Amino acid sequence: QFGSGYKILQTWFTRPASAVEVSVRPRDSVCMGTDFYGAVQRGVEELQPVKTRKGTVILTDGRHGTIPYRKPGGSSLNYSRYVDSVDDSDFQKLLRSVATSPAVLYFVAVDTDLNPDQETTGAGVTYNPDEIYNKQQVRSRLEELASLTGGRVVYPQKPEDVVPLYEQMARELGSVYSLGYAPSNPKKDETYRKIEVRVRDRSMRVRQSRDGYQAR
């Protein structure tokens, strides 16, 4: 669980026959505030020693506590809206970090613009365009992280959707295969090079974990 800090509630273990119960402690001081970018980075680091395929599923609303806001300009709307992800230096730093990791990132995203909670859109709530805009900005960041690592984002509409979505992503992670190749251009010139995997059997579907890489 994470907030301004990060805490491991259960270490790695061999899957037992019986159910495993882990208690989340929402009143724990670690849950105050949200260092979302730091939690993703820490989760990826925890997977570094794992030698086989690895991935992490994160249940979150994706709101990092210090996403910068647009600077006041000609419009009164600017100051209360998040900057685009390209102008969020902490997010760009996280993107560069996960791009070098083989870990796949999956997100179970709650309270986004695609599945907002009742506090945002319920009866009697005043429509707030800035709030919807910010939810879109947060969702786009989750989708960037997932796409970069070969994972994806799912959007539960109600609490009982969460467990089936976890199971679905676990099955996906269990059917991942690795392909490697040596590039014909050996230059380490920092250019971005696209990768495309094609299969001869058109009845087969391929989801790539990387659409490209930076030559380093």
N, C-alpha and C. Protein backbone atom coordinates (compact mmCIF):
# COMPACT_ATOMS: atom_id res chain seq x y z
N GLN A 1 0.86 -1.18 0.00
CA GLN A 1 0.00 0.00 0.00
C GLN A 1 0.90 1.23 0.00
N PHE A 2 0.36 2.33 -0.54
CA PHE A 2 1.18 3.51 -0.65
C PHE A 2 0.33 4.76 -0.52
N GLY A 3 1.00 5.82 -0.14
CA GLY A 3 0.41 7.15 -0.07
C GLY A 3 1.58 8.09 -0.26
N SER A 4 1.94 8.83 0.80
CA SER A 4 3.18 9.60 0.73
C SER A 4 4.38 8.69 0.90
N GLY A 5 4.15 7.50 1.47
CA GLY A 5 5.18 6.50 1.64
C GLY A 5 4.80 5.20 0.96
N TYR A 6 5.48 4.13 1.33
CA TYR A 6 5.30 2.84 0.66
C TYR A 6 5.50 1.75 1.71
N LYS A 7 4.61 0.78 1.74
CA LYS A 7 4.72 -0.28 2.74
C LYS A 7 4.36 -1.63 2.12
N ILE A 8 5.20 -2.64 2.38
CA ILE A 8 4.93 -4.00 1.91
C ILE A 8 4.10 -4.72 2.97
N LEU A 9 2.93 -5.20 2.60
CA LEU A 9 2.03 -5.88 3.53
C LEU A 9 2.22 -7.39 3.49
N GLN A 10 2.75 -7.90 2.38
CA GLN A 10 2.95 -9.34 2.26
C GLN A 10 4.14 -9.57 1.33
N THR A 11 5.13 -10.31 1.83
CA THR A 11 6.30 -10.60 0.99
C THR A 11 5.97 -11.77 0.05
N TRP A 12 6.89 -12.06 -0.86
CA TRP A 12 6.69 -13.14 -1.82
C TRP A 12 6.51 -14.48 -1.13
N PHE A 13 5.67 -15.33 -1.69
CA PHE A 13 5.45 -16.65 -1.11
C PHE A 13 4.97 -17.60 -2.20
N THR A 14 5.16 -18.89 -1.97
CA THR A 14 4.64 -19.91 -2.88
C THR A 14 3.14 -19.99 -2.71
N ARG A 15 2.42 -20.04 -3.81
CA ARG A 15 0.96 -20.02 -3.74
C ARG A 15 0.43 -21.22 -2.98
N PRO A 16 -0.30 -21.00 -1.89
CA PRO A 16 -0.83 -22.10 -1.10
C PRO A 16 -2.19 -22.56 -1.63
N ALA A 17 -2.66 -23.67 -1.10
CA ALA A 17 -3.97 -24.19 -1.51
C ALA A 17 -5.09 -23.35 -0.90
N SER A 18 -4.87 -22.80 0.27
CA SER A 18 -5.91 -22.04 0.95
C SER A 18 -5.82 -20.55 0.57
N ALA A 19 -6.87 -19.83 0.89
CA ALA A 19 -6.92 -18.40 0.58
C ALA A 19 -5.90 -17.63 1.42
N VAL A 20 -5.43 -16.51 0.90
CA VAL A 20 -4.48 -15.64 1.60
C VAL A 20 -5.19 -14.33 1.92
N GLU A 21 -5.15 -13.94 3.17
CA GLU A 21 -5.79 -12.69 3.57
C GLU A 21 -4.73 -11.66 3.94
N VAL A 22 -4.83 -10.52 3.33
CA VAL A 22 -3.92 -9.41 3.62
C VAL A 22 -4.78 -8.20 4.00
N SER A 23 -4.50 -7.61 5.12
CA SER A 23 -5.29 -6.47 5.60
C SER A 23 -4.65 -5.15 5.18
N VAL A 24 -5.40 -4.38 4.41
CA VAL A 24 -4.95 -3.03 4.06
C VAL A 24 -5.30 -2.11 5.22
N ARG A 25 -4.38 -1.23 5.57
CA ARG A 25 -4.59 -0.36 6.72
C ARG A 25 -4.74 1.09 6.24
N PRO A 26 -5.96 1.50 5.90
CA PRO A 26 -6.16 2.84 5.33
C PRO A 26 -5.83 3.98 6.28
N ARG A 27 -5.83 3.72 7.59
CA ARG A 27 -5.53 4.78 8.55
C ARG A 27 -4.04 4.87 8.86
N ASP A 28 -3.25 4.01 8.21
CA ASP A 28 -1.81 4.03 8.40
C ASP A 28 -1.26 5.38 7.90
N SER A 29 -0.25 5.91 8.57
CA SER A 29 0.31 7.21 8.18
C SER A 29 0.90 7.17 6.78
N VAL A 30 1.27 5.99 6.30
CA VAL A 30 1.83 5.87 4.95
C VAL A 30 0.79 6.23 3.89
N CYS A 31 -0.48 6.17 4.25
CA CYS A 31 -1.55 6.44 3.29
C CYS A 31 -1.87 7.92 3.16
N MET A 32 -1.27 8.76 3.98
CA MET A 32 -1.54 10.20 3.90
C MET A 32 -0.80 10.78 2.70
N GLY A 33 -1.51 11.55 1.87
CA GLY A 33 -0.89 12.09 0.67
C GLY A 33 -0.72 11.00 -0.38
N THR A 34 -0.22 11.36 -1.56
CA THR A 34 -0.04 10.35 -2.61
C THR A 34 1.20 10.62 -3.44
N ASP A 35 2.24 9.83 -3.19
CA ASP A 35 3.41 9.85 -4.06
C ASP A 35 3.25 8.70 -5.06
N PHE A 36 2.34 8.89 -6.01
CA PHE A 36 2.03 7.83 -6.96
C PHE A 36 3.24 7.47 -7.82
N TYR A 37 3.94 8.46 -8.33
CA TYR A 37 5.10 8.18 -9.18
C TYR A 37 6.17 7.41 -8.39
N GLY A 38 6.37 7.82 -7.14
CA GLY A 38 7.35 7.11 -6.31
C GLY A 38 6.94 5.68 -6.04
N ALA A 39 5.63 5.44 -5.88
CA ALA A 39 5.14 4.08 -5.62
C ALA A 39 5.34 3.19 -6.84
N VAL A 40 5.09 3.72 -8.04
CA VAL A 40 5.31 2.93 -9.26
C VAL A 40 6.80 2.59 -9.39
N GLN A 41 7.64 3.60 -9.16
CA GLN A 41 9.09 3.38 -9.24
C GLN A 41 9.54 2.32 -8.23
N ARG A 42 9.03 2.41 -7.01
CA ARG A 42 9.41 1.45 -5.97
C ARG A 42 8.92 0.05 -6.33
N GLY A 43 7.71 -0.04 -6.89
CA GLY A 43 7.18 -1.34 -7.28
C GLY A 43 8.03 -2.00 -8.35
N VAL A 44 8.48 -1.21 -9.32
CA VAL A 44 9.36 -1.74 -10.38
C VAL A 44 10.69 -2.19 -9.78
N GLU A 45 11.21 -1.41 -8.85
CA GLU A 45 12.49 -1.78 -8.21
C GLU A 45 12.35 -3.07 -7.41
N GLU A 46 11.20 -3.29 -6.75
CA GLU A 46 10.99 -4.51 -5.98
C GLU A 46 11.05 -5.75 -6.89
N LEU A 47 10.73 -5.57 -8.18
CA LEU A 47 10.71 -6.70 -9.11
C LEU A 47 12.07 -6.95 -9.76
N GLN A 48 13.03 -6.08 -9.53
CA GLN A 48 14.33 -6.23 -10.18
C GLN A 48 14.99 -7.59 -9.96
N PRO A 49 14.96 -8.15 -8.73
CA PRO A 49 15.64 -9.45 -8.52
C PRO A 49 14.93 -10.64 -9.18
N VAL A 50 13.69 -10.46 -9.60
CA VAL A 50 12.92 -11.57 -10.18
C VAL A 50 13.50 -11.90 -11.54
N LYS A 51 13.85 -13.18 -11.74
CA LYS A 51 14.53 -13.58 -12.97
C LYS A 51 13.55 -13.97 -14.08
N THR A 52 12.35 -14.38 -13.72
CA THR A 52 11.38 -14.79 -14.74
C THR A 52 10.54 -13.58 -15.16
N ARG A 53 9.48 -13.80 -15.93
CA ARG A 53 8.63 -12.69 -16.34
C ARG A 53 8.04 -12.01 -15.11
N LYS A 54 7.84 -10.73 -15.21
CA LYS A 54 7.40 -9.99 -14.03
C LYS A 54 6.45 -8.87 -14.42
N GLY A 55 5.53 -8.61 -13.53
CA GLY A 55 4.57 -7.55 -13.75
C GLY A 55 3.96 -7.14 -12.43
N THR A 56 3.31 -6.00 -12.45
CA THR A 56 2.67 -5.52 -11.23
C THR A 56 1.30 -4.95 -11.58
N VAL A 57 0.35 -5.17 -10.70
CA VAL A 57 -1.01 -4.63 -10.88
C VAL A 57 -1.23 -3.59 -9.78
N ILE A 58 -1.60 -2.39 -10.18
CA ILE A 58 -1.73 -1.30 -9.23
C ILE A 58 -3.17 -0.79 -9.23
N LEU A 59 -3.79 -0.85 -8.07
CA LEU A 59 -5.15 -0.32 -7.89
C LEU A 59 -5.01 1.13 -7.44
N THR A 60 -5.49 2.07 -8.25
CA THR A 60 -5.22 3.48 -7.96
C THR A 60 -6.17 4.40 -8.72
N ASP A 61 -6.26 5.65 -8.24
CA ASP A 61 -6.93 6.66 -9.04
C ASP A 61 -5.90 7.45 -9.86
N GLY A 62 -4.62 7.12 -9.67
CA GLY A 62 -3.56 7.71 -10.48
C GLY A 62 -3.17 9.12 -10.13
N ARG A 63 -3.74 9.68 -9.08
CA ARG A 63 -3.47 11.08 -8.76
C ARG A 63 -2.18 11.22 -7.97
N HIS A 64 -1.16 11.72 -8.62
CA HIS A 64 0.08 12.04 -7.93
C HIS A 64 -0.12 13.36 -7.20
N GLY A 65 0.38 13.45 -5.99
CA GLY A 65 0.07 14.60 -5.14
C GLY A 65 0.65 15.93 -5.60
N THR A 66 1.68 15.89 -6.44
CA THR A 66 2.33 17.15 -6.82
C THR A 66 2.38 17.33 -8.33
N ILE A 67 1.34 16.92 -9.04
CA ILE A 67 1.26 17.22 -10.47
C ILE A 67 1.18 18.75 -10.61
N PRO A 68 2.03 19.35 -11.42
CA PRO A 68 1.99 20.82 -11.55
C PRO A 68 0.71 21.30 -12.23
N TYR A 69 0.30 22.49 -11.87
CA TYR A 69 -0.84 23.12 -12.52
C TYR A 69 -0.34 24.09 -13.59
N ARG A 70 -1.20 24.35 -14.55
CA ARG A 70 -0.87 25.33 -15.58
C ARG A 70 -0.67 26.70 -14.94
N LYS A 71 0.26 27.46 -15.48
CA LYS A 71 0.49 28.81 -14.96
C LYS A 71 -0.65 29.72 -15.38
N PRO A 72 -1.02 30.66 -14.51
CA PRO A 72 -2.10 31.59 -14.87
C PRO A 72 -1.78 32.31 -16.17
N GLY A 73 -2.74 32.34 -17.06
CA GLY A 73 -2.55 33.01 -18.35
C GLY A 73 -3.75 33.86 -18.67
N GLY A 74 -4.07 33.92 -19.94
CA GLY A 74 -5.19 34.74 -20.37
C GLY A 74 -6.52 34.18 -19.93
N SER A 75 -6.58 32.86 -19.67
CA SER A 75 -7.85 32.25 -19.28
C SER A 75 -7.87 31.93 -17.79
N SER A 76 -9.03 32.14 -17.19
CA SER A 76 -9.17 31.85 -15.75
C SER A 76 -9.19 30.36 -15.50
N LEU A 77 -9.29 29.53 -16.59
CA LEU A 77 -9.34 28.09 -16.42
C LEU A 77 -7.96 27.49 -16.20
N ASN A 78 -6.90 28.21 -16.60
CA ASN A 78 -5.57 27.62 -16.63
C ASN A 78 -5.05 27.18 -15.27
N TYR A 79 -5.21 28.02 -14.26
CA TYR A 79 -4.52 27.79 -13.00
C TYR A 79 -5.02 26.56 -12.26
N SER A 80 -6.23 26.08 -12.55
CA SER A 80 -6.78 24.94 -11.83
C SER A 80 -6.72 23.66 -12.63
N ARG A 81 -5.97 23.67 -13.73
CA ARG A 81 -5.85 22.48 -14.57
C ARG A 81 -4.42 21.97 -14.58
N TYR A 82 -4.27 20.64 -14.59
CA TYR A 82 -2.93 20.05 -14.63
C TYR A 82 -2.24 20.37 -15.96
N VAL A 83 -0.92 20.40 -15.91
CA VAL A 83 -0.16 20.52 -17.16
C VAL A 83 -0.24 19.20 -17.93
N ASP A 84 0.05 19.25 -19.21
CA ASP A 84 0.12 18.03 -20.00
C ASP A 84 1.28 17.17 -19.50
N SER A 85 1.22 15.88 -19.80
CA SER A 85 2.24 14.96 -19.28
C SER A 85 3.65 15.32 -19.76
N VAL A 86 3.77 15.88 -20.96
CA VAL A 86 5.10 16.25 -21.47
C VAL A 86 5.73 17.37 -20.67
N ASP A 87 4.90 18.14 -19.95
CA ASP A 87 5.41 19.25 -19.14
C ASP A 87 5.51 18.89 -17.66
N ASP A 88 5.24 17.64 -17.35
CA ASP A 88 5.34 17.14 -15.98
C ASP A 88 6.68 16.43 -15.84
N SER A 89 7.69 17.14 -15.33
CA SER A 89 9.06 16.61 -15.31
C SER A 89 9.19 15.34 -14.48
N ASP A 90 8.47 15.25 -13.36
CA ASP A 90 8.54 14.04 -12.54
C ASP A 90 7.95 12.84 -13.28
N PHE A 91 6.88 13.07 -14.03
CA PHE A 91 6.29 11.98 -14.80
C PHE A 91 7.22 11.54 -15.92
N GLN A 92 7.87 12.48 -16.58
CA GLN A 92 8.80 12.13 -17.66
C GLN A 92 9.99 11.34 -17.11
N LYS A 93 10.42 11.67 -15.92
CA LYS A 93 11.50 10.92 -15.27
C LYS A 93 11.06 9.48 -15.01
N LEU A 94 9.81 9.31 -14.56
CA LEU A 94 9.27 7.97 -14.31
C LEU A 94 9.16 7.19 -15.61
N LEU A 95 8.70 7.83 -16.68
CA LEU A 95 8.59 7.17 -17.98
C LEU A 95 9.94 6.64 -18.42
N ARG A 96 10.98 7.45 -18.29
CA ARG A 96 12.32 7.00 -18.70
C ARG A 96 12.79 5.81 -17.88
N SER A 97 12.41 5.79 -16.62
CA SER A 97 12.83 4.70 -15.75
C SER A 97 12.13 3.39 -16.11
N VAL A 98 10.80 3.42 -16.27
CA VAL A 98 10.07 2.18 -16.56
C VAL A 98 10.39 1.67 -17.95
N ALA A 99 10.82 2.57 -18.85
CA ALA A 99 11.16 2.15 -20.21
C ALA A 99 12.35 1.20 -20.23
N THR A 100 13.20 1.27 -19.22
CA THR A 100 14.38 0.40 -19.16
C THR A 100 14.14 -0.86 -18.34
N SER A 101 12.93 -1.03 -17.81
CA SER A 101 12.62 -2.20 -16.99
C SER A 101 11.79 -3.20 -17.79
N PRO A 102 12.02 -4.51 -17.59
CA PRO A 102 11.20 -5.51 -18.27
C PRO A 102 9.85 -5.76 -17.59
N ALA A 103 9.59 -5.06 -16.49
CA ALA A 103 8.33 -5.26 -15.76
C ALA A 103 7.16 -4.67 -16.53
N VAL A 104 6.06 -5.42 -16.58
CA VAL A 104 4.83 -4.97 -17.23
C VAL A 104 3.95 -4.30 -16.18
N LEU A 105 3.39 -3.15 -16.52
CA LEU A 105 2.54 -2.41 -15.58
C LEU A 105 1.08 -2.50 -15.99
N TYR A 106 0.26 -3.00 -15.08
CA TYR A 106 -1.19 -3.02 -15.25
C TYR A 106 -1.80 -2.10 -14.20
N PHE A 107 -2.86 -1.40 -14.57
CA PHE A 107 -3.52 -0.50 -13.63
C PHE A 107 -5.01 -0.80 -13.58
N VAL A 108 -5.52 -0.96 -12.36
CA VAL A 108 -6.96 -1.00 -12.14
C VAL A 108 -7.31 0.42 -11.69
N ALA A 109 -7.85 1.19 -12.62
CA ALA A 109 -8.01 2.63 -12.40
C ALA A 109 -9.42 2.94 -11.91
N VAL A 110 -9.49 3.63 -10.80
CA VAL A 110 -10.79 4.03 -10.23
C VAL A 110 -10.92 5.55 -10.28
N ASP A 111 -12.14 6.02 -10.35
CA ASP A 111 -12.46 7.44 -10.32
C ASP A 111 -11.71 8.23 -11.41
N THR A 112 -11.74 7.72 -12.64
CA THR A 112 -11.21 8.47 -13.77
C THR A 112 -12.39 9.13 -14.48
N ASP A 113 -12.12 9.80 -15.59
CA ASP A 113 -13.22 10.40 -16.34
C ASP A 113 -14.09 9.33 -17.00
N LEU A 114 -13.58 8.10 -17.13
CA LEU A 114 -14.36 7.01 -17.72
C LEU A 114 -15.21 6.27 -16.69
N ASN A 115 -14.85 6.36 -15.43
CA ASN A 115 -15.64 5.71 -14.38
C ASN A 115 -15.62 6.56 -13.10
N PRO A 116 -16.09 7.80 -13.20
CA PRO A 116 -16.03 8.72 -12.05
C PRO A 116 -16.93 8.26 -10.91
N ASP A 117 -16.53 8.61 -9.68
CA ASP A 117 -17.37 8.24 -8.54
C ASP A 117 -18.52 9.23 -8.39
N GLN A 118 -19.45 8.91 -7.51
CA GLN A 118 -20.65 9.70 -7.35
C GLN A 118 -20.38 11.10 -6.79
N GLU A 119 -19.24 11.27 -6.11
CA GLU A 119 -18.91 12.58 -5.56
C GLU A 119 -18.63 13.58 -6.67
N THR A 120 -18.28 13.06 -7.86
CA THR A 120 -17.96 13.93 -8.99
C THR A 120 -19.15 14.13 -9.91
N THR A 121 -19.94 13.05 -10.11
CA THR A 121 -20.99 13.10 -11.14
C THR A 121 -22.37 12.75 -10.60
N GLY A 122 -22.51 12.51 -9.31
CA GLY A 122 -23.79 12.09 -8.75
C GLY A 122 -24.84 13.18 -8.78
N ALA A 123 -26.05 12.80 -8.44
CA ALA A 123 -27.17 13.74 -8.43
C ALA A 123 -26.88 14.90 -7.48
N GLY A 124 -27.14 16.11 -7.95
CA GLY A 124 -26.95 17.28 -7.12
C GLY A 124 -25.55 17.84 -7.12
N VAL A 125 -24.62 17.18 -7.86
CA VAL A 125 -23.23 17.66 -7.92
C VAL A 125 -23.09 18.65 -9.06
N THR A 126 -22.50 19.80 -8.79
CA THR A 126 -22.28 20.81 -9.81
C THR A 126 -21.20 20.36 -10.78
N TYR A 127 -21.47 20.44 -12.06
CA TYR A 127 -20.49 20.03 -13.07
C TYR A 127 -19.25 20.90 -12.99
N ASN A 128 -18.08 20.26 -12.95
CA ASN A 128 -16.82 20.99 -12.83
C ASN A 128 -15.92 20.59 -14.00
N PRO A 129 -15.79 21.42 -15.03
CA PRO A 129 -14.98 21.05 -16.19
C PRO A 129 -13.51 20.87 -15.85
N ASP A 130 -13.01 21.63 -14.88
CA ASP A 130 -11.61 21.48 -14.50
C ASP A 130 -11.35 20.11 -13.89
N GLU A 131 -12.28 19.63 -13.07
CA GLU A 131 -12.13 18.33 -12.44
C GLU A 131 -12.14 17.22 -13.49
N ILE A 132 -13.05 17.29 -14.46
CA ILE A 132 -13.09 16.29 -15.52
C ILE A 132 -11.81 16.35 -16.35
N TYR A 133 -11.34 17.55 -16.64
CA TYR A 133 -10.10 17.71 -17.40
C TYR A 133 -8.93 17.05 -16.66
N ASN A 134 -8.84 17.28 -15.37
CA ASN A 134 -7.75 16.71 -14.58
C ASN A 134 -7.83 15.18 -14.53
N LYS A 135 -9.04 14.65 -14.46
CA LYS A 135 -9.20 13.19 -14.49
C LYS A 135 -8.71 12.63 -15.83
N GLN A 136 -8.97 13.35 -16.91
CA GLN A 136 -8.49 12.92 -18.22
C GLN A 136 -6.96 12.94 -18.28
N GLN A 137 -6.38 13.97 -17.69
CA GLN A 137 -4.92 14.08 -17.65
C GLN A 137 -4.30 12.91 -16.88
N VAL A 138 -4.91 12.57 -15.75
CA VAL A 138 -4.42 11.46 -14.93
C VAL A 138 -4.55 10.14 -15.70
N ARG A 139 -5.70 9.93 -16.33
CA ARG A 139 -5.91 8.69 -17.10
C ARG A 139 -4.89 8.57 -18.22
N SER A 140 -4.61 9.65 -18.90
CA SER A 140 -3.65 9.58 -20.01
C SER A 140 -2.27 9.18 -19.52
N ARG A 141 -1.91 9.59 -18.29
CA ARG A 141 -0.61 9.20 -17.74
C ARG A 141 -0.58 7.70 -17.45
N LEU A 142 -1.67 7.17 -16.89
CA LEU A 142 -1.74 5.73 -16.64
C LEU A 142 -1.61 4.95 -17.96
N GLU A 143 -2.29 5.44 -18.99
CA GLU A 143 -2.26 4.74 -20.27
C GLU A 143 -0.88 4.80 -20.91
N GLU A 144 -0.17 5.92 -20.72
CA GLU A 144 1.20 6.02 -21.23
C GLU A 144 2.11 4.99 -20.56
N LEU A 145 2.01 4.89 -19.23
CA LEU A 145 2.84 3.94 -18.49
C LEU A 145 2.54 2.51 -18.91
N ALA A 146 1.26 2.18 -19.01
CA ALA A 146 0.88 0.82 -19.38
C ALA A 146 1.32 0.49 -20.80
N SER A 147 1.08 1.40 -21.73
CA SER A 147 1.44 1.16 -23.13
C SER A 147 2.94 0.98 -23.30
N LEU A 148 3.72 1.78 -22.58
CA LEU A 148 5.17 1.72 -22.70
C LEU A 148 5.73 0.38 -22.26
N THR A 149 5.07 -0.27 -21.30
CA THR A 149 5.58 -1.52 -20.74
C THR A 149 4.87 -2.76 -21.27
N GLY A 150 3.86 -2.57 -22.13
CA GLY A 150 3.13 -3.72 -22.66
C GLY A 150 1.96 -4.14 -21.81
N GLY A 151 1.60 -3.34 -20.82
CA GLY A 151 0.44 -3.64 -19.98
C GLY A 151 -0.80 -2.91 -20.48
N ARG A 152 -1.76 -2.72 -19.61
CA ARG A 152 -2.94 -1.97 -19.99
C ARG A 152 -3.65 -1.45 -18.75
N VAL A 153 -4.67 -0.64 -18.98
CA VAL A 153 -5.46 -0.05 -17.91
C VAL A 153 -6.89 -0.57 -18.02
N VAL A 154 -7.47 -0.96 -16.91
CA VAL A 154 -8.88 -1.38 -16.90
C VAL A 154 -9.63 -0.46 -15.95
N TYR A 155 -10.95 -0.32 -16.21
CA TYR A 155 -11.75 0.67 -15.50
C TYR A 155 -12.98 0.01 -14.88
N PRO A 156 -12.87 -0.49 -13.65
CA PRO A 156 -14.03 -1.11 -13.01
C PRO A 156 -15.15 -0.09 -12.80
N GLN A 157 -16.37 -0.50 -13.09
CA GLN A 157 -17.52 0.38 -12.91
C GLN A 157 -18.11 0.26 -11.50
N LYS A 158 -17.84 -0.87 -10.85
CA LYS A 158 -18.33 -1.09 -9.49
C LYS A 158 -17.33 -1.97 -8.75
N PRO A 159 -17.33 -1.97 -7.43
CA PRO A 159 -16.32 -2.71 -6.66
C PRO A 159 -16.22 -4.19 -7.01
N GLU A 160 -17.36 -4.82 -7.31
CA GLU A 160 -17.31 -6.27 -7.59
C GLU A 160 -16.65 -6.58 -8.93
N ASP A 161 -16.34 -5.55 -9.73
CA ASP A 161 -15.63 -5.78 -10.99
C ASP A 161 -14.14 -6.02 -10.76
N VAL A 162 -13.62 -5.60 -9.62
CA VAL A 162 -12.17 -5.56 -9.42
C VAL A 162 -11.54 -6.94 -9.45
N VAL A 163 -12.07 -7.90 -8.70
CA VAL A 163 -11.46 -9.23 -8.62
C VAL A 163 -11.41 -9.92 -9.99
N PRO A 164 -12.51 -9.95 -10.76
CA PRO A 164 -12.42 -10.56 -12.10
C PRO A 164 -11.39 -9.89 -13.00
N LEU A 165 -11.22 -8.57 -12.86
CA LEU A 165 -10.22 -7.87 -13.67
C LEU A 165 -8.81 -8.28 -13.27
N TYR A 166 -8.58 -8.45 -11.97
CA TYR A 166 -7.28 -8.93 -11.50
C TYR A 166 -6.99 -10.31 -12.10
N GLU A 167 -7.98 -11.18 -12.06
CA GLU A 167 -7.81 -12.54 -12.59
C GLU A 167 -7.51 -12.50 -14.09
N GLN A 168 -8.18 -11.64 -14.79
CA GLN A 168 -7.98 -11.51 -16.23
C GLN A 168 -6.56 -11.06 -16.55
N MET A 169 -6.07 -10.09 -15.82
CA MET A 169 -4.71 -9.61 -16.06
C MET A 169 -3.67 -10.64 -15.66
N ALA A 170 -3.94 -11.42 -14.62
CA ALA A 170 -3.02 -12.49 -14.23
C ALA A 170 -2.89 -13.52 -15.35
N ARG A 171 -4.01 -13.84 -15.99
CA ARG A 171 -3.96 -14.78 -17.12
C ARG A 171 -3.16 -14.20 -18.28
N GLU A 172 -3.32 -12.92 -18.52
CA GLU A 172 -2.56 -12.28 -19.59
C GLU A 172 -1.06 -12.34 -19.30
N LEU A 173 -0.70 -12.01 -18.07
CA LEU A 173 0.70 -12.01 -17.69
C LEU A 173 1.29 -13.42 -17.81
N GLY A 174 0.46 -14.43 -17.57
CA GLY A 174 0.92 -15.82 -17.66
C GLY A 174 1.07 -16.33 -19.07
N SER A 175 0.66 -15.55 -20.06
CA SER A 175 0.78 -16.00 -21.45
C SER A 175 1.70 -15.10 -22.26
N VAL A 176 2.63 -14.43 -21.58
CA VAL A 176 3.57 -13.54 -22.24
C VAL A 176 4.80 -14.31 -22.69
N TYR A 177 5.28 -14.02 -23.88
CA TYR A 177 6.50 -14.63 -24.39
C TYR A 177 7.50 -13.54 -24.75
N SER A 178 8.77 -13.87 -24.65
CA SER A 178 9.83 -12.90 -24.93
C SER A 178 10.49 -13.19 -26.26
N LEU A 179 10.72 -12.14 -27.03
CA LEU A 179 11.46 -12.23 -28.29
C LEU A 179 12.63 -11.27 -28.21
N GLY A 180 13.76 -11.70 -28.68
CA GLY A 180 14.93 -10.84 -28.69
C GLY A 180 15.56 -10.81 -30.07
N TYR A 181 16.27 -9.74 -30.39
CA TYR A 181 16.95 -9.66 -31.68
C TYR A 181 18.12 -8.69 -31.57
N ALA A 182 19.05 -8.80 -32.50
CA ALA A 182 20.18 -7.88 -32.57
C ALA A 182 19.91 -6.89 -33.70
N PRO A 183 19.89 -5.59 -33.42
CA PRO A 183 19.59 -4.60 -34.47
C PRO A 183 20.68 -4.57 -35.53
N SER A 184 20.28 -4.30 -36.75
CA SER A 184 21.24 -4.22 -37.86
C SER A 184 22.08 -2.95 -37.76
N ASN A 185 21.54 -1.94 -37.07
CA ASN A 185 22.28 -0.68 -36.88
C ASN A 185 22.86 -0.67 -35.47
N PRO A 186 24.18 -0.85 -35.32
CA PRO A 186 24.77 -0.96 -33.98
C PRO A 186 25.04 0.38 -33.30
N LYS A 187 24.76 1.49 -33.96
CA LYS A 187 25.09 2.80 -33.40
C LYS A 187 24.24 3.10 -32.17
N LYS A 188 24.88 3.60 -31.13
CA LYS A 188 24.17 4.03 -29.93
C LYS A 188 24.04 5.55 -29.99
N ASP A 189 23.12 6.00 -30.82
CA ASP A 189 23.01 7.43 -31.11
C ASP A 189 21.81 8.09 -30.45
N GLU A 190 21.18 7.38 -29.48
CA GLU A 190 20.04 7.92 -28.73
C GLU A 190 18.79 8.13 -29.58
N THR A 191 18.79 7.64 -30.82
CA THR A 191 17.59 7.79 -31.65
C THR A 191 16.54 6.76 -31.22
N TYR A 192 15.29 7.09 -31.50
CA TYR A 192 14.19 6.17 -31.19
C TYR A 192 13.94 5.29 -32.39
N ARG A 193 13.93 3.98 -32.18
CA ARG A 193 13.74 3.03 -33.27
C ARG A 193 12.48 2.20 -33.02
N LYS A 194 11.62 2.18 -33.99
CA LYS A 194 10.35 1.47 -33.87
C LYS A 194 10.52 -0.04 -34.04
N ILE A 195 9.68 -0.79 -33.36
CA ILE A 195 9.66 -2.25 -33.46
C ILE A 195 8.26 -2.67 -33.86
N GLU A 196 8.18 -3.58 -34.80
CA GLU A 196 6.89 -4.13 -35.19
C GLU A 196 7.00 -5.64 -35.35
N VAL A 197 6.16 -6.38 -34.64
CA VAL A 197 6.15 -7.84 -34.72
C VAL A 197 4.97 -8.26 -35.58
N ARG A 198 5.25 -9.04 -36.61
CA ARG A 198 4.19 -9.53 -37.50
C ARG A 198 4.16 -11.05 -37.46
N VAL A 199 2.99 -11.63 -37.63
CA VAL A 199 2.86 -13.08 -37.68
C VAL A 199 2.24 -13.48 -39.01
N ARG A 200 2.66 -14.62 -39.53
CA ARG A 200 2.15 -15.07 -40.82
C ARG A 200 0.71 -15.54 -40.74
N ASP A 201 0.37 -16.15 -39.60
CA ASP A 201 -1.00 -16.62 -39.40
C ASP A 201 -1.86 -15.45 -38.96
N ARG A 202 -2.72 -14.96 -39.84
CA ARG A 202 -3.50 -13.77 -39.54
C ARG A 202 -4.60 -14.01 -38.51
N SER A 203 -4.83 -15.28 -38.17
CA SER A 203 -5.81 -15.56 -37.12
C SER A 203 -5.22 -15.32 -35.74
N MET A 204 -3.92 -15.13 -35.66
CA MET A 204 -3.25 -14.89 -34.39
C MET A 204 -3.13 -13.39 -34.13
N ARG A 205 -3.18 -13.04 -32.87
CA ARG A 205 -3.10 -11.62 -32.48
C ARG A 205 -1.90 -11.41 -31.57
N VAL A 206 -1.13 -10.38 -31.84
CA VAL A 206 0.06 -10.09 -31.06
C VAL A 206 -0.09 -8.74 -30.38
N ARG A 207 0.18 -8.71 -29.10
CA ARG A 207 0.25 -7.44 -28.38
C ARG A 207 1.69 -7.23 -27.94
N GLN A 208 2.32 -6.19 -28.47
CA GLN A 208 3.73 -5.95 -28.17
C GLN A 208 3.90 -5.26 -26.83
N SER A 209 4.95 -5.64 -26.11
CA SER A 209 5.25 -4.96 -24.86
C SER A 209 6.05 -3.69 -25.09
N ARG A 210 6.68 -3.57 -26.25
CA ARG A 210 7.42 -2.37 -26.61
C ARG A 210 7.14 -2.03 -28.07
N ASP A 211 6.84 -0.77 -28.33
CA ASP A 211 6.67 -0.32 -29.71
C ASP A 211 7.96 0.21 -30.29
N GLY A 212 8.97 0.32 -29.45
CA GLY A 212 10.26 0.83 -29.91
C GLY A 212 11.23 0.95 -28.76
N TYR A 213 12.41 1.47 -29.04
CA TYR A 213 13.42 1.62 -27.99
C TYR A 213 14.37 2.76 -28.38
N GLN A 214 15.09 3.23 -27.38
CA GLN A 214 16.08 4.28 -27.61
C GLN A 214 17.45 3.61 -27.69
N ALA A 215 18.18 3.90 -28.74
CA ALA A 215 19.47 3.26 -28.96
C ALA A 215 20.51 3.87 -28.01
N ARG A 216 20.87 3.08 -26.97
CA ARG A 216 21.84 3.57 -25.98
C ARG A 216 22.99 2.59 -25.83
